[in-house]
């Protein structure tokens, strides 16, 4: 990861000072770096030790960071990872344009791998992510969204880059189609579980631990799995309250909504759904060669379920 950070620092260089300032600001804010870690672990599990693993790990982090810059503008977010978002600090225009810079820089870096297959996987993933973002935008304040619609959004918007990161690791290693598919399934399942837990934490987390405001999803009118489950299990009055909260994005209703979500057992339902995805990830990882890196992939899927930020 230190070597990945070195690549990131080198490739953020720009002759335009504002580009460097915004890029450095959001990268320096930290984050879990799960996507590059996933790529490196898959490379390790399959025995690939070439330098391109650091370059491609930086690429997936750049793509992810670009989506964050654009997300925060779309969602009008003010806090991420405990600090002011880039759009709050530098303004919306700068955030959007620097997000575009990071996307284009990522594609410049992809060329270095000299692999049309990697280009295809990452180009397709970037396109699916954009579609997922638009789909989520269309579903804002939609209290009719069901679990299938919710999963379609998060598998496009979040899980797709996890899947691509793991798949690229296997392509770099020259793995068979069967092993590549196992890596991709692991990534998709892990990414889905990650997002479901993220949505649980929006109603059951600690804002100081998460580094973002509790109830952001409600403010944005997102019908996430905890709310969908609560509407399915709650009384007519409960459903009416949650529907109104989703449709209006009224944060004054947050305490009521949290109480309903907890009372109906909706958080447990969402956690159980995340656990099923984590188990699917573990099963996929067990199709990879045995070793320390594969053990880490299994551990990552298991520990994801108990995270608090």
C-alpha atoms as a PDB file:
ATOM      1  CA  UNK A   1       0.000   0.000   0.000  1.00  0.00           C
ATOM      2  CA  UNK A   2       2.932   2.346   0.617  1.00  0.00           C
ATOM      3  CA  UNK A   3       4.013   1.743  -2.964  1.00  0.00           C
ATOM      4  CA  UNK A   4       0.464   2.382  -4.187  1.00  0.00           C
ATOM      5  CA  UNK A   5       0.471   5.683  -2.274  1.00  0.00           C
ATOM      6  CA  UNK A   6       3.741   6.597  -3.987  1.00  0.00           C
ATOM      7  CA  UNK A   7       2.146   5.985  -7.393  1.00  0.00           C
ATOM      8  CA  UNK A   8      -0.891   8.041  -6.367  1.00  0.00           C
ATOM      9  CA  UNK A   9       1.313  10.959  -5.295  1.00  0.00           C
ATOM     10  CA  UNK A  10       3.298  10.850  -8.551  1.00  0.00           C
ATOM     11  CA  UNK A  11       0.252  10.654 -10.816  1.00  0.00           C
ATOM     12  CA  UNK A  12      -1.679  13.437  -9.070  1.00  0.00           C
ATOM     13  CA  UNK A  13       0.848  15.931 -10.427  1.00  0.00           C
ATOM     14  CA  UNK A  14      -0.704  18.624 -12.624  1.00  0.00           C
ATOM     15  CA  UNK A  15       0.429  21.944 -14.035  1.00  0.00           C
ATOM     16  CA  UNK A  16      -2.869  23.413 -12.819  1.00  0.00           C
ATOM     17  CA  UNK A  17      -2.535  24.232  -9.087  1.00  0.00           C
ATOM     18  CA  UNK A  18      -6.249  23.840  -8.250  1.00  0.00           C
ATOM     19  CA  UNK A  19      -6.286  20.317  -9.712  1.00  0.00           C
ATOM     20  CA  UNK A  20      -3.439  19.329  -7.405  1.00  0.00           C
ATOM     21  CA  UNK A  21      -4.981  21.040  -4.391  1.00  0.00           C
ATOM     22  CA  UNK A  22      -8.380  19.355  -4.677  1.00  0.00           C
ATOM     23  CA  UNK A  23      -6.913  15.963  -5.598  1.00  0.00           C
ATOM     24  CA  UNK A  24      -4.425  15.994  -2.734  1.00  0.00           C
ATOM     25  CA  UNK A  25      -7.118  17.152  -0.316  1.00  0.00           C
ATOM     26  CA  UNK A  26      -9.474  14.239  -0.959  1.00  0.00           C
ATOM     27  CA  UNK A  27      -6.739  11.589  -1.286  1.00  0.00           C
ATOM     28  CA  UNK A  28      -5.020  12.808   1.897  1.00  0.00           C
ATOM     29  CA  UNK A  29      -8.341  12.526   3.755  1.00  0.00           C
ATOM     30  CA  UNK A  30      -7.655   8.804   3.863  1.00  0.00           C
ATOM     31  CA  UNK A  31     -10.367   6.219   3.562  1.00  0.00           C
ATOM     32  CA  UNK A  32     -10.277   2.465   3.768  1.00  0.00           C
ATOM     33  CA  UNK A  33      -8.524   1.918   0.407  1.00  0.00           C
ATOM     34  CA  UNK A  34     -10.537  -1.309   0.100  1.00  0.00           C
ATOM     35  CA  UNK A  35     -10.521  -1.450  -3.696  1.00  0.00           C
ATOM     36  CA  UNK A  36      -6.734  -1.268  -4.122  1.00  0.00           C
ATOM     37  CA  UNK A  37      -6.304  -3.658  -1.172  1.00  0.00           C
ATOM     38  CA  UNK A  38      -8.668  -6.101  -2.883  1.00  0.00           C
ATOM     39  CA  UNK A  39      -6.673  -5.909  -6.125  1.00  0.00           C
ATOM     40  CA  UNK A  40      -3.368  -6.453  -4.311  1.00  0.00           C
ATOM     41  CA  UNK A  41      -4.713  -9.389  -2.285  1.00  0.00           C
ATOM     42  CA  UNK A  42      -6.011 -11.109  -5.432  1.00  0.00           C
ATOM     43  CA  UNK A  43      -2.633 -10.580  -7.114  1.00  0.00           C
ATOM     44  CA  UNK A  44      -0.936 -12.057  -4.030  1.00  0.00           C
ATOM     45  CA  UNK A  45      -3.303 -15.029  -3.850  1.00  0.00           C
ATOM     46  CA  UNK A  46      -2.523 -15.844  -7.483  1.00  0.00           C
ATOM     47  CA  UNK A  47       1.216 -15.268  -7.256  1.00  0.00           C
ATOM     48  CA  UNK A  48       1.549 -12.086  -9.347  1.00  0.00           C
ATOM     49  CA  UNK A  49       4.369  -9.803  -8.144  1.00  0.00           C
ATOM     50  CA  UNK A  50       4.766  -7.433 -11.101  1.00  0.00           C
ATOM     51  CA  UNK A  51       4.932  -3.639 -10.741  1.00  0.00           C
ATOM     52  CA  UNK A  52       1.633  -3.172 -12.596  1.00  0.00           C
ATOM     53  CA  UNK A  53      -0.265  -4.259  -9.488  1.00  0.00           C
ATOM     54  CA  UNK A  54       0.657  -0.938  -7.853  1.00  0.00           C
ATOM     55  CA  UNK A  55      -0.309   1.054 -10.932  1.00  0.00           C
ATOM     56  CA  UNK A  56      -3.678  -0.690 -11.309  1.00  0.00           C
ATOM     57  CA  UNK A  57      -4.377  -0.369  -7.570  1.00  0.00           C
ATOM     58  CA  UNK A  58      -3.866   3.392  -7.928  1.00  0.00           C
ATOM     59  CA  UNK A  59      -6.169   3.392 -10.970  1.00  0.00           C
ATOM     60  CA  UNK A  60      -9.104   1.869  -9.080  1.00  0.00           C
ATOM     61  CA  UNK A  61      -8.554   4.314  -6.206  1.00  0.00           C
ATOM     62  CA  UNK A  62      -8.606   7.234  -8.673  1.00  0.00           C
ATOM     63  CA  UNK A  63     -11.861   5.984 -10.206  1.00  0.00           C
ATOM     64  CA  UNK A  64     -13.360   5.614  -6.721  1.00  0.00           C
ATOM     65  CA  UNK A  65     -12.162   9.077  -5.673  1.00  0.00           C
ATOM     66  CA  UNK A  66     -13.648  10.627  -8.798  1.00  0.00           C
ATOM     67  CA  UNK A  67     -17.026   9.083  -7.949  1.00  0.00           C
ATOM     68  CA  UNK A  68     -16.782  10.514  -4.415  1.00  0.00           C
ATOM     69  CA  UNK A  69     -16.120  14.014  -5.741  1.00  0.00           C
ATOM     70  CA  UNK A  70     -19.142  13.814  -8.018  1.00  0.00           C
ATOM     71  CA  UNK A  71     -21.320  12.054  -5.394  1.00  0.00           C
ATOM     72  CA  UNK A  72     -20.783  14.763  -2.820  1.00  0.00           C
ATOM     73  CA  UNK A  73     -21.852  17.437  -5.315  1.00  0.00           C
ATOM     74  CA  UNK A  74     -24.980  15.489  -6.335  1.00  0.00           C
ATOM     75  CA  UNK A  75     -25.862  14.715  -2.697  1.00  0.00           C
ATOM     76  CA  UNK A  76     -24.911  18.195  -1.437  1.00  0.00           C
ATOM     77  CA  UNK A  77     -22.811  16.511   1.269  1.00  0.00           C
ATOM     78  CA  UNK A  78     -20.771  18.636   3.674  1.00  0.00           C
ATOM     79  CA  UNK A  79     -18.850  16.000   5.662  1.00  0.00           C
ATOM     80  CA  UNK A  80     -16.819  12.950   4.633  1.00  0.00           C
ATOM     81  CA  UNK A  81     -14.252  11.017   6.679  1.00  0.00           C
ATOM     82  CA  UNK A  82     -14.601  13.569   9.454  1.00  0.00           C
ATOM     83  CA  UNK A  83     -13.605  16.544   7.296  1.00  0.00           C
ATOM     84  CA  UNK A  84     -15.354  19.047   5.049  1.00  0.00           C
ATOM     85  CA  UNK A  85     -16.066  17.563   1.622  1.00  0.00           C
ATOM     86  CA  UNK A  86     -14.095  18.917  -1.331  1.00  0.00           C
ATOM     87  CA  UNK A  87     -17.200  20.646  -2.687  1.00  0.00           C
ATOM     88  CA  UNK A  88     -17.748  22.363   0.668  1.00  0.00           C
ATOM     89  CA  UNK A  89     -14.135  23.544   0.710  1.00  0.00           C
ATOM     90  CA  UNK A  90     -13.450  24.321  -2.962  1.00  0.00           C
ATOM     91  CA  UNK A  91     -16.950  24.622  -4.464  1.00  0.00           C
ATOM     92  CA  UNK A  92     -19.028  22.412  -6.742  1.00  0.00           C
ATOM     93  CA  UNK A  93     -17.432  23.418 -10.082  1.00  0.00           C
ATOM     94  CA  UNK A  94     -13.913  22.558  -8.890  1.00  0.00           C
ATOM     95  CA  UNK A  95     -15.066  19.211  -7.459  1.00  0.00           C
ATOM     96  CA  UNK A  96     -16.799  18.153 -10.665  1.00  0.00           C
ATOM     97  CA  UNK A  97     -13.898  19.168 -12.897  1.00  0.00           C
ATOM     98  CA  UNK A  98     -11.227  17.570 -10.706  1.00  0.00           C
ATOM     99  CA  UNK A  99     -13.347  14.407 -10.634  1.00  0.00           C
ATOM    100  CA  UNK A 100     -13.177  14.485 -14.437  1.00  0.00           C
ATOM    101  CA  UNK A 101      -9.384  14.921 -14.203  1.00  0.00           C
ATOM    102  CA  UNK A 102      -9.089  11.837 -11.970  1.00  0.00           C
ATOM    103  CA  UNK A 103     -11.220   9.742 -14.350  1.00  0.00           C
ATOM    104  CA  UNK A 104      -9.096  10.757 -17.340  1.00  0.00           C
ATOM    105  CA  UNK A 105      -5.840  10.263 -15.431  1.00  0.00           C
ATOM    106  CA  UNK A 106      -7.001   6.766 -14.460  1.00  0.00           C
ATOM    107  CA  UNK A 107      -7.557   5.921 -18.128  1.00  0.00           C
ATOM    108  CA  UNK A 108      -4.117   7.276 -19.036  1.00  0.00           C
ATOM    109  CA  UNK A 109      -2.625   4.955 -16.415  1.00  0.00           C
ATOM    110  CA  UNK A 110      -4.617   1.935 -17.652  1.00  0.00           C
ATOM    111  CA  UNK A 111      -2.742   2.097 -20.943  1.00  0.00           C
ATOM    112  CA  UNK A 112       0.492   1.263 -19.086  1.00  0.00           C
ATOM    113  CA  UNK A 113      -0.774  -2.266 -18.420  1.00  0.00           C
ATOM    114  CA  UNK A 114      -0.785  -2.973 -22.180  1.00  0.00           C
ATOM    115  CA  UNK A 115      -3.913  -5.081 -21.754  1.00  0.00           C
ATOM    116  CA  UNK A 116      -7.094  -4.562 -23.741  1.00  0.00           C
ATOM    117  CA  UNK A 117      -8.846  -6.939 -21.335  1.00  0.00           C
ATOM    118  CA  UNK A 118      -8.044  -4.700 -18.357  1.00  0.00           C
ATOM    119  CA  UNK A 119      -9.115  -1.635 -20.349  1.00  0.00           C
ATOM    120  CA  UNK A 120     -12.406  -3.357 -21.169  1.00  0.00           C
ATOM    121  CA  UNK A 121     -13.098  -4.396 -17.565  1.00  0.00           C
ATOM    122  CA  UNK A 122     -12.367  -0.957 -16.094  1.00  0.00           C
ATOM    123  CA  UNK A 123     -14.110   0.971 -18.890  1.00  0.00           C
ATOM    124  CA  UNK A 124     -17.222  -1.214 -18.518  1.00  0.00           C
ATOM    125  CA  UNK A 125     -17.121  -0.823 -14.717  1.00  0.00           C
ATOM    126  CA  UNK A 126     -16.838   2.969 -14.942  1.00  0.00           C
ATOM    127  CA  UNK A 127     -19.844   3.039 -17.279  1.00  0.00           C
ATOM    128  CA  UNK A 128     -21.931   0.800 -15.001  1.00  0.00           C
ATOM    129  CA  UNK A 129     -21.037   2.976 -11.986  1.00  0.00           C
ATOM    130  CA  UNK A 130     -22.276   6.061 -13.861  1.00  0.00           C
ATOM    131  CA  UNK A 131     -25.514   4.259 -14.730  1.00  0.00           C
ATOM    132  CA  UNK A 132     -25.897   3.276 -11.072  1.00  0.00           C
ATOM    133  CA  UNK A 133     -25.490   6.889 -10.003  1.00  0.00           C
ATOM    134  CA  UNK A 134     -28.190   7.984 -12.453  1.00  0.00           C
ATOM    135  CA  UNK A 135     -30.457   5.152 -11.301  1.00  0.00           C
ATOM    136  CA  UNK A 136     -29.988   6.249  -7.698  1.00  0.00           C
ATOM    137  CA  UNK A 137     -30.796   9.839  -8.691  1.00  0.00           C
ATOM    138  CA  UNK A 138     -34.005   8.668 -10.357  1.00  0.00           C
ATOM    139  CA  UNK A 139     -34.959   6.797  -7.168  1.00  0.00           C
ATOM    140  CA  UNK A 140     -34.398   9.730  -4.813  1.00  0.00           C
ATOM    141  CA  UNK A 141     -37.499  10.345  -2.668  1.00  0.00           C
ATOM    142  CA  UNK A 142     -39.101   7.192  -4.107  1.00  0.00           C
ATOM    143  CA  UNK A 143     -40.786   5.378  -1.227  1.00  0.00           C
ATOM    144  CA  UNK A 144     -41.953   2.617  -3.613  1.00  0.00           C
ATOM    145  CA  UNK A 145     -38.424   1.274  -4.202  1.00  0.00           C
ATOM    146  CA  UNK A 146     -38.243  -2.429  -3.329  1.00  0.00           C
ATOM    147  CA  UNK A 147     -35.302  -4.626  -2.329  1.00  0.00           C
ATOM    148  CA  UNK A 148     -34.619  -5.736  -5.912  1.00  0.00           C
ATOM    149  CA  UNK A 149     -34.438  -2.119  -7.075  1.00  0.00           C
ATOM    150  CA  UNK A 150     -32.200  -1.224  -4.147  1.00  0.00           C
ATOM    151  CA  UNK A 151     -29.821  -4.099  -4.910  1.00  0.00           C
ATOM    152  CA  UNK A 152     -29.679  -3.082  -8.571  1.00  0.00           C
ATOM    153  CA  UNK A 153     -28.481   0.374  -7.530  1.00  0.00           C
ATOM    154  CA  UNK A 154     -25.811  -0.754  -5.063  1.00  0.00           C
ATOM    155  CA  UNK A 155     -24.490  -3.538  -7.292  1.00  0.00           C
ATOM    156  CA  UNK A 156     -23.976  -0.948 -10.025  1.00  0.00           C
ATOM    157  CA  UNK A 157     -22.905   2.028  -7.952  1.00  0.00           C
ATOM    158  CA  UNK A 158     -20.707   0.343  -5.325  1.00  0.00           C
ATOM    159  CA  UNK A 159     -20.148  -3.375  -5.896  1.00  0.00           C
ATOM    160  CA  UNK A 160     -19.118  -3.031  -9.553  1.00  0.00           C
ATOM    161  CA  UNK A 161     -15.773  -1.387  -8.751  1.00  0.00           C
ATOM    162  CA  UNK A 162     -15.059  -3.990  -6.051  1.00  0.00           C
ATOM    163  CA  UNK A 163     -15.778  -6.667  -8.658  1.00  0.00           C
ATOM    164  CA  UNK A 164     -13.576  -4.971 -11.271  1.00  0.00           C
ATOM    165  CA  UNK A 165     -10.713  -4.504  -8.790  1.00  0.00           C
ATOM    166  CA  UNK A 166     -10.665  -8.216  -7.953  1.00  0.00           C
ATOM    167  CA  UNK A 167     -11.044  -9.212 -11.602  1.00  0.00           C
ATOM    168  CA  UNK A 168      -8.136  -6.975 -12.689  1.00  0.00           C
ATOM    169  CA  UNK A 169      -5.933  -8.619 -10.052  1.00  0.00           C
ATOM    170  CA  UNK A 170      -6.694 -12.015 -11.579  1.00  0.00           C
ATOM    171  CA  UNK A 171      -6.100 -10.756 -15.138  1.00  0.00           C
ATOM    172  CA  UNK A 172      -2.697  -9.383 -14.153  1.00  0.00           C
ATOM    173  CA  UNK A 173      -1.883 -12.820 -12.740  1.00  0.00           C
ATOM    174  CA  UNK A 174      -2.902 -14.531 -15.998  1.00  0.00           C
ATOM    175  CA  UNK A 175      -5.503 -16.607 -14.159  1.00  0.00           C
ATOM    176  CA  UNK A 176      -7.921 -18.987 -15.848  1.00  0.00           C
ATOM    177  CA  UNK A 177     -11.492 -17.904 -16.620  1.00  0.00           C
ATOM    178  CA  UNK A 178     -12.701 -20.014 -13.701  1.00  0.00           C
ATOM    179  CA  UNK A 179     -10.376 -18.304 -11.208  1.00  0.00           C
ATOM    180  CA  UNK A 180     -11.128 -14.877 -12.690  1.00  0.00           C
ATOM    181  CA  UNK A 181     -14.844 -15.477 -12.159  1.00  0.00           C
ATOM    182  CA  UNK A 182     -14.197 -16.536  -8.540  1.00  0.00           C
ATOM    183  CA  UNK A 183     -12.309 -13.273  -7.905  1.00  0.00           C
ATOM    184  CA  UNK A 184     -15.064 -11.247  -9.577  1.00  0.00           C
ATOM    185  CA  UNK A 185     -17.791 -12.967  -7.543  1.00  0.00           C
ATOM    186  CA  UNK A 186     -15.820 -12.331  -4.366  1.00  0.00           C
ATOM    187  CA  UNK A 187     -15.533  -8.635  -5.226  1.00  0.00           C
ATOM    188  CA  UNK A 188     -19.200  -8.240  -6.110  1.00  0.00           C
ATOM    189  CA  UNK A 189     -20.368 -10.004  -2.949  1.00  0.00           C
ATOM    190  CA  UNK A 190     -17.944  -8.053  -0.751  1.00  0.00           C
ATOM    191  CA  UNK A 191     -18.980  -4.736  -2.309  1.00  0.00           C
ATOM    192  CA  UNK A 192     -22.671  -5.507  -1.829  1.00  0.00           C
ATOM    193  CA  UNK A 193     -22.147  -6.463   1.821  1.00  0.00           C
ATOM    194  CA  UNK A 194     -20.041  -3.342   2.353  1.00  0.00           C
ATOM    195  CA  UNK A 195     -22.778  -1.033   1.036  1.00  0.00           C
ATOM    196  CA  UNK A 196     -25.576  -2.735   2.988  1.00  0.00           C
ATOM    197  CA  UNK A 197     -23.594  -2.315   6.229  1.00  0.00           C
ATOM    198  CA  UNK A 198     -22.878   1.300   5.243  1.00  0.00           C
ATOM    199  CA  UNK A 199     -26.631   1.859   4.927  1.00  0.00           C
ATOM    200  CA  UNK A 200     -27.233   0.198   8.311  1.00  0.00           C
ATOM    201  CA  UNK A 201     -24.706   2.528   9.943  1.00  0.00           C
ATOM    202  CA  UNK A 202     -26.624   5.553   8.682  1.00  0.00           C
ATOM    203  CA  UNK A 203     -29.310   4.616  11.230  1.00  0.00           C
ATOM    204  CA  UNK A 204     -27.290   2.753  13.853  1.00  0.00           C
ATOM    205  CA  UNK A 205     -23.798   4.235  13.694  1.00  0.00           C
ATOM    206  CA  UNK A 206     -21.840   6.876  15.572  1.00  0.00           C
ATOM    207  CA  UNK A 207     -21.306  10.055  13.550  1.00  0.00           C
ATOM    208  CA  UNK A 208     -17.932  10.708  15.199  1.00  0.00           C
ATOM    209  CA  UNK A 209     -16.750   7.195  14.294  1.00  0.00           C
ATOM    210  CA  UNK A 210     -18.127   7.268  10.753  1.00  0.00           C
ATOM    211  CA  UNK A 211     -16.809  10.726   9.908  1.00  0.00           C
ATOM    212  CA  UNK A 212     -20.103  11.745   8.312  1.00  0.00           C
ATOM    213  CA  UNK A 213     -23.488  12.940   9.492  1.00  0.00           C
ATOM    214  CA  UNK A 214     -26.042  10.414  10.726  1.00  0.00           C
ATOM    215  CA  UNK A 215     -29.201  10.475   8.613  1.00  0.00           C
ATOM    216  CA  UNK A 216     -27.529  11.652   5.395  1.00  0.00           C
ATOM    217  CA  UNK A 217     -29.375   8.957   3.433  1.00  0.00           C
ATOM    218  CA  UNK A 218     -32.710  10.131   4.796  1.00  0.00           C
ATOM    219  CA  UNK A 219     -31.908  13.774   4.008  1.00  0.00           C
ATOM    220  CA  UNK A 220     -31.152  12.757   0.429  1.00  0.00           C
ATOM    221  CA  UNK A 221     -34.379  10.759   0.175  1.00  0.00           C
ATOM    222  CA  UNK A 222     -32.665   7.388  -0.288  1.00  0.00           C
ATOM    223  CA  UNK A 223     -34.831   4.327   0.339  1.00  0.00           C
ATOM    224  CA  UNK A 224     -32.127   1.974   1.624  1.00  0.00           C
ATOM    225  CA  UNK A 225     -32.611  -1.595   2.883  1.00  0.00           C
ATOM    226  CA  UNK A 226     -33.229  -0.652   6.561  1.00  0.00           C
ATOM    227  CA  UNK A 227     -36.124   1.589   5.485  1.00  0.00           C
ATOM    228  CA  UNK A 228     -37.471  -0.902   2.936  1.00  0.00           C
ATOM    229  CA  UNK A 229     -37.470  -3.661   5.577  1.00  0.00           C
ATOM    230  CA  UNK A 230     -39.075  -1.378   8.178  1.00  0.00           C
ATOM    231  CA  UNK A 231     -41.888  -0.498   5.772  1.00  0.00           C
ATOM    232  CA  UNK A 232     -42.494  -4.193   5.088  1.00  0.00           C
ATOM    233  CA  UNK A 233     -42.664  -5.103   8.790  1.00  0.00           C
ATOM    234  CA  UNK A 234     -44.109  -1.960  10.352  1.00  0.00           C
ATOM    235  CA  UNK A 235     -47.678  -0.864  11.021  1.00  0.00           C
ATOM    236  CA  UNK A 236     -49.646   1.368   8.661  1.00  0.00           C
ATOM    237  CA  UNK A 237     -48.639   4.334  10.798  1.00  0.00           C
ATOM    238  CA  UNK A 238     -44.979   3.276  10.636  1.00  0.00           C
ATOM    239  CA  UNK A 239     -45.148   2.973   6.852  1.00  0.00           C
ATOM    240  CA  UNK A 240     -46.779   6.360   6.569  1.00  0.00           C
ATOM    241  CA  UNK A 241     -44.070   7.984   8.705  1.00  0.00           C
ATOM    242  CA  UNK A 242     -41.207   6.435   6.715  1.00  0.00           C
ATOM    243  CA  UNK A 243     -42.876   7.222   3.395  1.00  0.00           C
ATOM    244  CA  UNK A 244     -43.240  10.865   4.394  1.00  0.00           C
ATOM    245  CA  UNK A 245     -39.622  11.005   5.582  1.00  0.00           C
ATOM    246  CA  UNK A 246     -38.312   9.542   2.296  1.00  0.00           C
ATOM    247  CA  UNK A 247     -40.490  11.742   0.116  1.00  0.00           C
ATOM    248  CA  UNK A 248     -39.640  14.967   1.952  1.00  0.00           C
ATOM    249  CA  UNK A 249     -36.109  14.219   3.203  1.00  0.00           C
ATOM    250  CA  UNK A 250     -37.187  15.734   6.496  1.00  0.00           C
ATOM    251  CA  UNK A 251     -34.369  15.259   9.020  1.00  0.00           C
ATOM    252  CA  UNK A 252     -36.665  16.414  11.811  1.00  0.00           C
ATOM    253  CA  UNK A 253     -38.247  12.961  11.476  1.00  0.00           C
ATOM    254  CA  UNK A 254     -34.928  11.129  11.899  1.00  0.00           C
ATOM    255  CA  UNK A 255     -35.469  10.112  15.529  1.00  0.00           C
ATOM    256  CA  UNK A 256     -38.928   8.731  14.693  1.00  0.00           C
ATOM    257  CA  UNK A 257     -37.551   6.818  11.731  1.00  0.00           C
ATOM    258  CA  UNK A 258     -34.637   5.366  13.740  1.00  0.00           C
ATOM    259  CA  UNK A 259     -37.082   4.226  16.440  1.00  0.00           C
ATOM    260  CA  UNK A 260     -39.257   2.450  13.838  1.00  0.00           C
ATOM    261  CA  UNK A 261     -36.257   0.875  12.113  1.00  0.00           C
ATOM    262  CA  UNK A 262     -35.033  -0.527  15.430  1.00  0.00           C
ATOM    263  CA  UNK A 263     -38.453  -1.607  16.701  1.00  0.00           C
ATOM    264  CA  UNK A 264     -39.324  -3.527  13.519  1.00  0.00           C
ATOM    265  CA  UNK A 265     -36.033  -5.441  13.492  1.00  0.00           C
ATOM    266  CA  UNK A 266     -35.172  -3.882  10.120  1.00  0.00           C
ATOM    267  CA  UNK A 267     -31.519  -3.450  11.084  1.00  0.00           C
ATOM    268  CA  UNK A 268     -31.247  -7.170  11.824  1.00  0.00           C
ATOM    269  CA  UNK A 269     -32.806  -7.975   8.456  1.00  0.00           C
ATOM    270  CA  UNK A 270     -30.315  -5.727   6.678  1.00  0.00           C
ATOM    271  CA  UNK A 271     -27.391  -7.192   8.615  1.00  0.00           C
ATOM    272  CA  UNK A 272     -28.591 -10.702   7.732  1.00  0.00           C
ATOM    273  CA  UNK A 273     -28.658  -9.720   4.049  1.00  0.00           C
ATOM    274  CA  UNK A 274     -25.093  -8.411   4.376  1.00  0.00           C
ATOM    275  CA  UNK A 275     -24.071 -11.649   6.079  1.00  0.00           C
ATOM    276  CA  UNK A 276     -25.426 -13.697   3.177  1.00  0.00           C
ATOM    277  CA  UNK A 277     -23.310 -11.643   0.785  1.00  0.00           C
ATOM    278  CA  UNK A 278     -20.259 -12.012   3.042  1.00  0.00           C
ATOM    279  CA  UNK A 279     -20.742 -15.792   3.087  1.00  0.00           C
ATOM    280  CA  UNK A 280     -20.947 -15.748  -0.723  1.00  0.00           C
ATOM    281  CA  UNK A 281     -17.654 -13.827  -0.772  1.00  0.00           C
ATOM    282  CA  UNK A 282     -16.026 -16.364   1.564  1.00  0.00           C
ATOM    283  CA  UNK A 283     -17.221 -19.254  -0.624  1.00  0.00           C
ATOM    284  CA  UNK A 284     -15.750 -17.562  -3.704  1.00  0.00           C
ATOM    285  CA  UNK A 285     -12.428 -16.929  -1.936  1.00  0.00           C
ATOM    286  CA  UNK A 286     -12.203 -20.613  -1.033  1.00  0.00           C
ATOM    287  CA  UNK A 287     -12.052 -21.375  -4.775  1.00  0.00           C
ATOM    288  CA  UNK A 288      -8.682 -19.583  -4.904  1.00  0.00           C
ATOM    289  CA  UNK A 289      -5.315 -21.191  -4.082  1.00  0.00           C
ATOM    290  CA  UNK A 290      -4.729 -21.624  -0.356  1.00  0.00           C
ATOM    291  CA  UNK A 291      -2.336 -19.192   1.294  1.00  0.00           C
ATOM    292  CA  UNK A 292      -1.928 -16.075   3.399  1.00  0.00           C
ATOM    293  CA  UNK A 293      -3.497 -13.712   0.847  1.00  0.00           C
ATOM    294  CA  UNK A 294      -6.563 -15.916   0.436  1.00  0.00           C
ATOM    295  CA  UNK A 295      -6.850 -16.129   4.239  1.00  0.00           C
ATOM    296  CA  UNK A 296      -6.822 -12.319   4.313  1.00  0.00           C
ATOM    297  CA  UNK A 297      -9.624 -12.171   1.726  1.00  0.00           C
ATOM    298  CA  UNK A 298     -11.725 -14.489   3.898  1.00  0.00           C
ATOM    299  CA  UNK A 299     -10.932 -12.466   7.015  1.00  0.00           C
ATOM    300  CA  UNK A 300     -11.824  -9.225   5.232  1.00  0.00           C
ATOM    301  CA  UNK A 301     -15.267 -10.538   4.301  1.00  0.00           C
ATOM    302  CA  UNK A 302     -15.870 -11.723   7.864  1.00  0.00           C
ATOM    303  CA  UNK A 303     -14.738  -8.551   9.617  1.00  0.00           C
ATOM    304  CA  UNK A 304     -16.737  -6.340   7.270  1.00  0.00           C
ATOM    305  CA  UNK A 305     -19.902  -7.347   9.133  1.00  0.00           C
ATOM    306  CA  UNK A 306     -18.724  -5.949  12.490  1.00  0.00           C
ATOM    307  CA  UNK A 307     -17.317  -2.634  11.289  1.00  0.00           C
ATOM    308  CA  UNK A 308     -18.578   0.587  12.900  1.00  0.00           C
ATOM    309  CA  UNK A 309     -17.390   3.092  10.301  1.00  0.00           C
END
